[in-house]
Amino acid sequence: MKKIFLVLGIAAHVAVCAQKADGVITVNEVRRIEQVLASDDFQGRAAGTLGIDKAALFISDEFKKAGLKPVNTEGYLQSFATMRPKVKSVKGEMDDVELDTKNIMVITTKPDLKVNEKGGYQVEYIKAGENIGAKVQGLLQTKKNMVVFMDTSFTKMFPRLAGLKRQLLPMDHSVIFVLGHYQPKEFTIKAEHTFDETKMANVVGILPGKSRPNEYVIFSAHHDHIGIGKPQNGDSIYNGANDDAAGTTAVILLANYFKKLGNNERTIVFATFTAEEIGGFGSQYFSRQYQPEQVVAMFNIEMIGTESKWGKNSAFITGFEKSDMGTILQRNLEGSAFKFYPDPYPDQQLFYRSDNATLAYLGVPAHTISTAKMDKEPYYHSADDEVETLDLQNMTEIIKAIAQSSKSIVGGKETPTRVKTEELR
């Protein structure tokens, strides 16, 4: 009889928790949050502007109202600074042959750098035919001092590496890319830089786990967009309603949902990142605050305001094949009208292009959920990315599906397999 009463008591508690969470994720709440985040008042939420500061304060207030624990003693803002380097000089020499400076790219936050073959720098190569995007990101993630020689087949792509150094987080290591077929016995590379700093902030709230507080599940999105740009039909504010006020709205509502549900065994971290559009600096800084082996899963939510290529009640998961997280989510939705699909745009390498990438490179099953039709999304990075272009009802159902499908992971009943980092190199 005691066992029967215990089972009945547990069932009743689960039912009460579920009832408390009912009605949290609604189309009216989706509309309310979207209309604030994508309003002209926030001026397109470009990183480092007053507009994004106002957006961060709004999100902080939503996290506070939801009852989340602040990330630090100062509140929900996770502040940091990026460094914008200005090159004073770069010189290189290989076996007494002077290098063309345009074939040297130095990624560093050290004002004065002098490197030679005796300085402990690891030498790496990017060979013809390799996936240059994945290879470069993988090398950067190792956080080691390196000199990387790139095959000349990448000559046209080499200048794009300059994008890696437009802004940088403070780093203890330096990576030097050299274009050319070199296996030098001796080399010397010198670089001098000055730096300008820009202050930025993520917004982070925490829901401590009941029995597994040191195991983390992350729900994230980026709250920045591209600000004010070239006028389109008289409108110069790029509001970013879908990109990514939609994901941010989802994170806020999921925070409310799981707080009301009140049965998360693992700690849930709700984060909205700044500076995704200019290099993913917010998620990079955020990721440094966690031991990757303690992060069980990351649900990064990006552009869910429009229907996917399969229509309503569907979304795709980037890197679906790299862990079994997508399979878990699909299984938890069996019997419902909703379905998750593998990323249909593998040629665009979306798995490496969003805020999930930093932790994924460290083995975390970190995936992005999206509905964006990347081959024909008409309002992407457009001044017309407004709330009126979104399917708010469908977006509401997507958020509900994320909440429902993630419960077994949040509750500690299932643990996704790790991403095999060697496959990302």
Protein backbone atom coordinates (compact mmCIF):
# COMPACT_ATOMS: atom_id res chain seq x y z
CA MET A 1 0.00 0.00 0.00
CA LYS A 2 2.86 2.40 0.80
CA LYS A 3 4.32 1.79 -2.64
CA ILE A 4 0.94 2.46 -4.26
CA PHE A 5 0.53 5.72 -2.36
CA LEU A 6 4.10 6.71 -3.25
CA VAL A 7 3.48 6.09 -6.94
CA LEU A 8 0.18 7.96 -6.80
CA GLY A 9 1.91 10.82 -4.99
CA ILE A 10 4.64 11.06 -7.63
CA ALA A 11 2.06 10.95 -10.42
CA ALA A 12 0.04 13.68 -8.75
CA HIS A 13 3.16 15.84 -8.34
CA VAL A 14 4.03 15.41 -12.03
CA ALA A 15 0.47 16.32 -13.01
CA VAL A 16 0.56 19.44 -10.82
CA CYS A 17 3.90 20.49 -12.34
CA ALA A 18 2.53 20.01 -15.84
CA GLN A 19 -0.58 22.03 -15.04
CA LYS A 20 1.54 24.85 -13.63
CA ALA A 21 3.45 25.02 -16.91
CA ASP A 22 0.37 24.89 -19.13
CA GLY A 23 -0.40 28.19 -20.81
CA VAL A 24 3.13 29.59 -20.43
CA ILE A 25 4.11 29.30 -24.09
CA THR A 26 1.36 31.14 -25.93
CA VAL A 27 1.09 33.06 -29.15
CA ASN A 28 0.21 36.22 -27.19
CA GLU A 29 3.45 35.97 -25.22
CA VAL A 30 5.43 35.27 -28.38
CA ARG A 31 3.93 38.37 -29.97
CA ARG A 32 4.55 40.54 -26.88
CA ILE A 33 8.24 39.67 -26.61
CA GLU A 34 8.84 39.81 -30.37
CA GLN A 35 7.28 43.24 -30.67
CA VAL A 36 9.62 44.63 -28.03
CA LEU A 37 12.84 42.98 -29.26
CA ALA A 38 12.19 43.85 -32.93
CA SER A 39 10.98 47.38 -32.27
CA ASP A 40 12.60 50.44 -33.83
CA ASP A 41 13.48 51.58 -30.29
CA PHE A 42 16.33 49.05 -30.25
CA GLN A 43 17.73 50.31 -33.57
CA GLY A 44 18.46 46.85 -34.98
CA ARG A 45 20.43 45.68 -31.91
CA ALA A 46 23.92 45.94 -33.43
CA ALA A 47 26.67 44.75 -31.08
CA GLY A 48 28.32 47.56 -29.12
CA THR A 49 25.43 50.05 -29.51
CA LEU A 50 22.94 51.66 -27.14
CA GLY A 51 20.17 49.75 -28.92
CA ILE A 52 21.53 46.35 -27.95
CA ASP A 53 22.16 47.60 -24.40
CA LYS A 54 18.45 48.40 -24.15
CA ALA A 55 17.60 44.95 -25.51
CA ALA A 56 19.88 43.29 -22.94
CA LEU A 57 18.14 45.16 -20.11
CA PHE A 58 14.74 44.00 -21.40
CA ILE A 59 15.91 40.37 -21.52
CA SER A 60 17.41 40.72 -18.03
CA ASP A 61 14.09 41.95 -16.74
CA GLU A 62 12.31 38.99 -18.36
CA PHE A 63 14.75 36.57 -16.71
CA LYS A 64 14.19 38.26 -13.37
CA LYS A 65 10.40 38.04 -13.72
CA ALA A 66 10.76 34.36 -14.64
CA GLY A 67 12.57 33.77 -11.34
CA LEU A 68 15.95 32.74 -12.69
CA LYS A 69 19.12 33.04 -10.62
CA PRO A 70 21.46 35.80 -11.89
CA VAL A 71 24.72 34.68 -13.48
CA ASN A 72 26.81 36.79 -11.11
CA THR A 73 26.58 39.22 -8.20
CA GLU A 74 26.03 42.10 -10.62
CA GLY A 75 22.91 40.56 -12.16
CA TYR A 76 22.09 38.83 -15.43
CA LEU A 77 24.61 40.65 -17.62
CA GLN A 78 27.77 38.71 -18.40
CA SER A 79 30.09 41.54 -19.39
CA PHE A 80 33.29 41.28 -21.41
CA ALA A 81 35.31 43.28 -23.92
CA THR A 82 36.51 42.58 -27.44
CA MET A 83 39.74 43.94 -28.90
CA ARG A 84 39.94 45.42 -32.37
CA PRO A 85 43.54 45.13 -33.62
CA LYS A 86 45.27 47.72 -35.77
CA VAL A 87 48.36 46.45 -37.55
CA LYS A 88 51.47 48.59 -37.17
CA SER A 89 53.82 46.18 -38.93
CA VAL A 90 54.15 42.54 -40.03
CA LYS A 91 57.30 40.91 -41.36
CA GLY A 92 58.23 37.32 -42.14
CA GLU A 93 61.22 35.34 -43.30
CA MET A 94 61.56 31.66 -44.25
CA ASP A 95 65.06 30.19 -44.70
CA ASP A 96 66.47 33.67 -45.43
CA VAL A 97 63.73 34.44 -47.98
CA GLU A 98 61.52 37.43 -47.17
CA LEU A 99 57.78 36.74 -47.29
CA ASP A 100 55.18 38.90 -48.99
CA THR A 101 53.30 40.52 -46.11
CA LYS A 102 49.95 39.97 -47.84
CA ASN A 103 50.54 36.24 -47.38
CA ILE A 104 50.83 36.51 -43.59
CA MET A 105 47.80 36.72 -41.28
CA VAL A 106 48.49 37.10 -37.55
CA ILE A 107 45.70 36.36 -35.05
CA THR A 108 46.85 37.71 -31.68
CA THR A 109 46.03 40.08 -28.83
CA LYS A 110 49.68 40.67 -28.00
CA PRO A 111 50.97 44.12 -28.95
CA ASP A 112 54.44 42.81 -29.84
CA LEU A 113 55.01 39.34 -31.23
CA LYS A 114 58.20 37.67 -32.39
CA VAL A 115 58.08 34.01 -33.43
CA ASN A 116 60.74 31.62 -34.70
CA GLU A 117 61.23 27.87 -35.04
CA LYS A 118 62.70 27.73 -31.54
CA GLY A 119 59.80 29.49 -29.85
CA GLY A 120 57.61 26.47 -29.16
CA TYR A 121 55.06 27.22 -31.86
CA GLN A 122 53.33 24.14 -33.26
CA VAL A 123 53.53 23.88 -37.04
CA GLU A 124 50.38 22.76 -38.89
CA TYR A 125 49.34 22.48 -42.54
CA ILE A 126 46.10 22.98 -44.43
CA LYS A 127 46.36 20.84 -47.54
CA ALA A 128 44.63 21.16 -50.88
CA GLY A 129 41.12 19.77 -50.83
CA GLU A 130 40.62 20.07 -47.07
CA ASN A 131 37.54 21.78 -45.62
CA ILE A 132 39.19 25.10 -44.90
CA GLY A 133 36.38 26.49 -42.73
CA ALA A 134 36.26 23.50 -40.42
CA LYS A 135 40.06 23.16 -40.40
CA VAL A 136 40.69 26.79 -39.48
CA GLN A 137 38.06 26.78 -36.74
CA GLY A 138 39.35 23.50 -35.39
CA LEU A 139 42.91 24.82 -35.17
CA LEU A 140 41.77 27.99 -33.45
CA GLN A 141 39.81 25.97 -30.91
CA THR A 142 42.94 24.11 -29.77
CA LYS A 143 44.13 27.33 -28.11
CA LYS A 144 47.78 26.61 -28.88
CA ASN A 145 50.50 28.82 -30.33
CA MET A 146 50.69 27.82 -34.00
CA VAL A 147 52.14 28.65 -37.37
CA VAL A 148 49.78 27.28 -40.02
CA PHE A 149 50.93 26.90 -43.63
CA MET A 150 48.11 26.93 -46.18
CA ASP A 151 48.24 25.40 -49.64
CA THR A 152 48.30 27.96 -52.46
CA SER A 153 45.04 26.50 -53.80
CA PHE A 154 43.43 28.68 -51.12
CA THR A 155 44.94 31.91 -52.51
CA LYS A 156 41.57 33.49 -53.29
CA MET A 157 40.17 32.55 -49.88
CA PHE A 158 43.19 33.62 -47.84
CA PRO A 159 42.18 37.31 -47.54
CA ARG A 160 38.93 36.22 -45.87
CA LEU A 161 40.94 35.20 -42.82
CA ALA A 162 41.14 38.92 -42.07
CA GLY A 163 37.60 38.54 -40.76
CA LEU A 164 38.98 36.45 -37.89
CA LYS A 165 40.91 39.44 -36.56
CA ARG A 166 38.42 42.27 -36.96
CA GLN A 167 37.62 41.82 -33.30
CA LEU A 168 39.07 39.35 -30.84
CA LEU A 169 38.50 38.19 -27.31
CA PRO A 170 41.64 38.46 -25.15
CA MET A 171 43.66 35.30 -25.81
CA ASP A 172 46.78 33.73 -24.35
CA HIS A 173 47.84 32.14 -27.62
CA SER A 174 48.59 33.37 -31.13
CA VAL A 175 47.93 31.74 -34.49
CA ILE A 176 49.82 32.78 -37.62
CA PHE A 177 48.59 31.75 -41.06
CA VAL A 178 51.09 31.74 -43.94
CA LEU A 179 50.02 31.16 -47.54
CA GLY A 180 52.50 28.96 -49.41
CA HIS A 181 54.13 25.54 -49.69
CA TYR A 182 56.66 25.86 -46.90
CA GLN A 183 58.45 23.34 -44.71
CA PRO A 184 61.15 25.70 -43.44
CA LYS A 185 64.13 24.80 -41.34
CA GLU A 186 64.20 28.34 -39.98
CA PHE A 187 61.59 31.09 -39.86
CA THR A 188 60.98 34.40 -38.12
CA ILE A 189 57.70 36.33 -38.00
CA LYS A 190 57.33 39.69 -36.28
CA ALA A 191 54.13 41.65 -35.72
CA GLU A 192 53.17 44.84 -33.90
CA HIS A 193 49.57 45.84 -33.11
CA THR A 194 47.59 48.39 -31.16
CA PHE A 195 44.08 47.59 -29.91
CA ASP A 196 40.75 49.35 -29.36
CA GLU A 197 38.35 47.80 -26.85
CA THR A 198 34.57 47.46 -27.16
CA LYS A 199 32.45 46.54 -24.13
CA MET A 200 29.73 43.94 -24.67
CA ALA A 201 27.40 41.73 -22.61
CA ASN A 202 25.56 38.45 -22.85
CA VAL A 203 22.42 37.91 -20.77
CA VAL A 204 22.46 34.74 -18.64
CA GLY A 205 20.03 33.30 -16.10
CA ILE A 206 20.26 30.00 -14.24
CA LEU A 207 17.76 27.45 -12.96
CA PRO A 208 19.72 25.24 -10.52
CA GLY A 209 19.32 21.48 -10.87
CA LYS A 210 17.66 19.56 -8.06
CA SER A 211 19.80 16.41 -7.97
CA ARG A 212 22.50 17.04 -10.62
CA PRO A 213 23.48 20.70 -10.17
CA ASN A 214 26.87 20.24 -11.85
CA GLU A 215 25.40 18.90 -15.08
CA TYR A 216 24.32 21.70 -17.42
CA VAL A 217 21.73 21.96 -20.17
CA ILE A 218 21.91 25.20 -22.16
CA PHE A 219 19.15 26.96 -24.08
CA SER A 220 20.55 29.82 -26.13
CA ALA A 221 20.04 32.32 -28.94
CA HIS A 222 21.71 35.55 -30.02
CA HIS A 223 20.00 38.86 -29.35
CA ASP A 224 22.13 41.01 -31.66
CA HIS A 225 21.39 41.83 -35.28
CA ILE A 226 23.05 44.16 -37.82
CA GLY A 227 21.69 47.53 -36.70
CA ILE A 228 21.11 50.38 -39.13
CA GLY A 229 22.01 49.88 -42.76
CA LYS A 230 21.24 50.83 -46.33
CA PRO A 231 17.63 52.06 -46.59
CA GLN A 232 15.14 49.69 -48.19
CA ASN A 233 11.84 51.30 -49.17
CA GLY A 234 12.66 54.16 -46.81
CA ASP A 235 13.46 51.88 -43.83
CA SER A 236 17.06 51.76 -42.59
CA ILE A 237 16.52 49.79 -39.34
CA TYR A 238 17.26 46.07 -39.74
CA ASN A 239 15.01 44.88 -36.91
CA GLY A 240 15.95 41.19 -36.98
CA ALA A 241 12.56 39.85 -35.92
CA ASN A 242 13.44 36.38 -37.17
CA ASP A 243 17.23 36.75 -36.87
CA ASP A 244 17.30 36.28 -33.97
CA ALA A 245 14.64 37.93 -31.87
CA ALA A 246 12.72 34.71 -32.62
CA GLY A 247 15.33 32.55 -30.89
CA THR A 248 15.63 35.00 -28.00
CA THR A 249 11.86 34.94 -27.55
CA ALA A 250 12.03 31.16 -27.38
CA VAL A 251 14.73 31.24 -24.69
CA ILE A 252 12.69 33.65 -22.55
CA LEU A 253 9.56 31.49 -22.82
CA LEU A 254 11.48 28.27 -22.16
CA ALA A 255 12.89 29.91 -19.01
CA ASN A 256 9.36 30.64 -17.82
CA TYR A 257 8.19 27.16 -18.79
CA PHE A 258 10.88 25.19 -16.97
CA LYS A 259 10.71 27.46 -13.92
CA LYS A 260 6.96 26.82 -13.66
CA LEU A 261 7.46 23.11 -14.34
CA GLY A 262 9.89 23.01 -11.42
CA ASN A 263 11.29 19.50 -11.90
CA ASN A 264 14.65 19.97 -13.66
CA GLU A 265 17.19 17.58 -12.17
CA ARG A 266 20.02 19.15 -14.17
CA THR A 267 20.93 22.83 -14.01
CA ILE A 268 19.51 24.79 -16.93
CA VAL A 269 21.39 27.80 -18.24
CA PHE A 270 19.40 30.28 -20.34
CA ALA A 271 21.66 32.53 -22.39
CA THR A 272 21.26 35.14 -25.09
CA PHE A 273 24.47 36.14 -26.81
CA THR A 274 25.75 39.36 -28.23
CA ALA A 275 28.02 39.75 -31.28
CA GLU A 276 26.99 36.61 -33.17
CA GLU A 277 26.69 38.63 -36.36
CA ILE A 278 30.27 39.89 -36.17
CA GLY A 279 32.11 36.74 -35.16
CA GLY A 280 30.31 34.86 -32.38
CA PHE A 281 32.20 36.60 -29.58
CA GLY A 282 29.38 36.36 -27.07
CA SER A 283 29.09 32.58 -27.30
CA GLN A 284 32.87 32.21 -27.32
CA TYR A 285 33.19 34.16 -24.08
CA PHE A 286 30.22 32.32 -22.54
CA SER A 287 31.72 28.94 -23.43
CA ARG A 288 34.92 29.77 -21.58
CA GLN A 289 32.97 29.87 -18.31
CA TYR A 290 32.09 26.14 -18.40
CA GLN A 291 33.97 22.87 -18.31
CA PRO A 292 32.79 21.20 -21.53
CA GLU A 293 32.55 17.76 -19.91
CA GLN A 294 29.90 19.16 -17.54
CA VAL A 295 27.69 20.47 -20.36
CA VAL A 296 25.25 17.69 -21.24
CA ALA A 297 23.52 19.44 -24.14
CA MET A 298 23.11 22.80 -25.83
CA PHE A 299 19.92 23.82 -27.64
CA ASN A 300 20.83 26.85 -29.73
CA ILE A 301 17.77 28.41 -31.36
CA GLU A 302 18.16 30.44 -34.53
CA MET A 303 15.52 31.88 -36.88
CA ILE A 304 12.35 29.89 -36.10
CA GLY A 305 9.83 32.56 -37.13
CA THR A 306 9.08 31.23 -40.62
CA GLU A 307 7.96 27.83 -41.86
CA SER A 308 10.65 25.32 -42.74
CA LYS A 309 10.91 23.73 -46.18
CA TRP A 310 8.61 20.96 -44.88
CA GLY A 311 5.90 23.42 -43.80
CA LYS A 312 4.35 23.88 -40.36
CA ASN A 313 5.18 21.82 -37.28
CA SER A 314 8.72 21.10 -38.37
CA ALA A 315 12.28 22.31 -37.85
CA PHE A 316 15.77 21.05 -38.60
CA ILE A 317 18.77 20.36 -36.39
CA THR A 318 22.28 21.20 -37.57
CA GLY A 319 24.89 18.48 -37.17
CA PHE A 320 22.10 15.93 -36.70
CA GLU A 321 24.43 13.02 -37.43
CA LYS A 322 27.17 14.17 -35.03
CA SER A 323 25.36 13.03 -31.85
CA ASP A 324 22.13 11.23 -31.02
CA MET A 325 20.51 14.34 -29.55
CA GLY A 326 18.22 14.78 -32.55
CA THR A 327 17.11 11.16 -32.29
CA ILE A 328 16.22 11.70 -28.62
CA LEU A 329 14.18 14.78 -29.46
CA GLN A 330 12.33 12.97 -32.26
CA ARG A 331 11.54 10.03 -29.98
CA ASN A 332 10.13 12.34 -27.32
CA LEU A 333 7.73 13.81 -29.89
CA GLU A 334 6.36 10.51 -31.18
CA GLY A 335 2.59 10.72 -31.54
CA SER A 336 2.64 14.51 -31.97
CA ALA A 337 2.24 16.48 -35.18
CA PHE A 338 5.77 17.90 -34.90
CA LYS A 339 8.92 16.50 -36.47
CA PHE A 340 12.62 17.39 -36.38
CA TYR A 341 14.70 16.81 -39.52
CA PRO A 342 18.43 16.73 -40.28
CA ASP A 343 19.86 19.96 -41.71
CA PRO A 344 18.86 20.09 -45.42
CA TYR A 345 21.57 22.62 -46.29
CA PRO A 346 24.85 20.77 -45.60
CA ASP A 347 26.71 22.79 -48.22
CA GLN A 348 26.17 25.92 -46.10
CA GLN A 349 27.90 24.34 -43.08
CA LEU A 350 25.42 25.82 -40.63
CA PHE A 351 26.71 23.59 -37.83
CA TYR A 352 29.93 25.63 -37.82
CA ARG A 353 28.33 29.05 -38.33
CA SER A 354 26.20 29.62 -35.24
CA ASP A 355 26.67 29.94 -31.50
CA ASN A 356 26.67 26.19 -30.91
CA ALA A 357 30.02 25.77 -32.67
CA THR A 358 32.40 26.71 -29.84
CA LEU A 359 31.11 24.03 -27.46
CA ALA A 360 30.57 21.51 -30.25
CA TYR A 361 34.28 21.73 -31.11
CA LEU A 362 34.93 20.70 -27.50
CA GLY A 363 32.75 17.59 -27.76
CA VAL A 364 29.48 18.95 -26.38
CA PRO A 365 26.31 17.79 -28.17
CA ALA A 366 25.58 21.39 -29.09
CA HIS A 367 23.19 21.85 -31.99
CA THR A 368 21.19 24.66 -33.58
CA ILE A 369 17.45 24.32 -34.15
CA SER A 370 16.11 26.39 -37.04
CA THR A 371 13.46 26.64 -39.74
CA ALA A 372 15.30 29.09 -41.99
CA LYS A 373 15.08 28.29 -45.70
CA MET A 374 18.68 29.22 -46.36
CA ASP A 375 18.30 28.87 -50.12
CA LYS A 376 15.41 31.36 -50.32
CA GLU A 377 14.74 33.18 -47.03
CA PRO A 378 13.46 36.50 -48.46
CA TYR A 379 13.96 38.74 -45.41
CA TYR A 380 17.33 37.42 -44.19
CA HIS A 381 19.54 40.40 -43.22
CA SER A 382 16.92 42.71 -44.65
CA ALA A 383 15.18 45.81 -43.32
CA ASP A 384 11.96 43.86 -43.95
CA ASP A 385 12.74 41.30 -41.24
CA GLU A 386 9.79 42.56 -39.18
CA VAL A 387 7.32 40.89 -36.81
CA GLU A 388 4.61 41.10 -39.49
CA THR A 389 6.57 38.64 -41.67
CA LEU A 390 6.57 35.90 -39.01
CA ASP A 391 4.18 33.00 -38.50
CA LEU A 392 3.74 33.51 -34.76
CA GLN A 393 1.37 30.57 -34.28
CA ASN A 394 3.78 28.15 -35.92
CA MET A 395 6.65 29.67 -33.96
CA THR A 396 4.70 29.03 -30.74
CA GLU A 397 4.32 25.37 -31.67
CA ILE A 398 8.04 25.09 -32.37
CA ILE A 399 8.88 26.45 -28.91
CA LYS A 400 6.42 24.00 -27.34
CA ALA A 401 8.07 21.16 -29.28
CA ILE A 402 11.51 22.17 -28.02
CA ALA A 403 10.18 22.24 -24.46
CA GLN A 404 8.49 18.86 -24.75
CA SER A 405 11.32 17.10 -26.58
CA SER A 406 14.02 18.30 -24.18
CA LYS A 407 12.31 17.18 -20.96
CA SER A 408 14.07 13.83 -20.71
CA ILE A 409 17.46 15.54 -21.01
CA VAL A 410 16.58 18.32 -18.57
CA GLY A 411 15.15 15.71 -16.19
CA GLY A 412 18.31 13.62 -16.23
CA LYS A 413 16.68 10.57 -17.81
CA GLU A 414 18.64 10.72 -21.07
CA THR A 415 22.11 11.94 -21.99
CA PRO A 416 23.05 12.63 -25.62
CA THR A 417 26.24 11.13 -27.01
CA ARG A 418 29.23 13.43 -27.31
CA VAL A 419 30.32 14.99 -30.58
CA LYS A 420 33.48 13.29 -31.84
CA THR A 421 35.89 16.21 -32.05
CA GLU A 422 38.25 14.43 -34.43
CA GLU A 423 35.47 14.48 -37.04
CA LEU A 424 35.40 18.29 -36.84
CA ARG A 425 39.06 18.74 -37.69
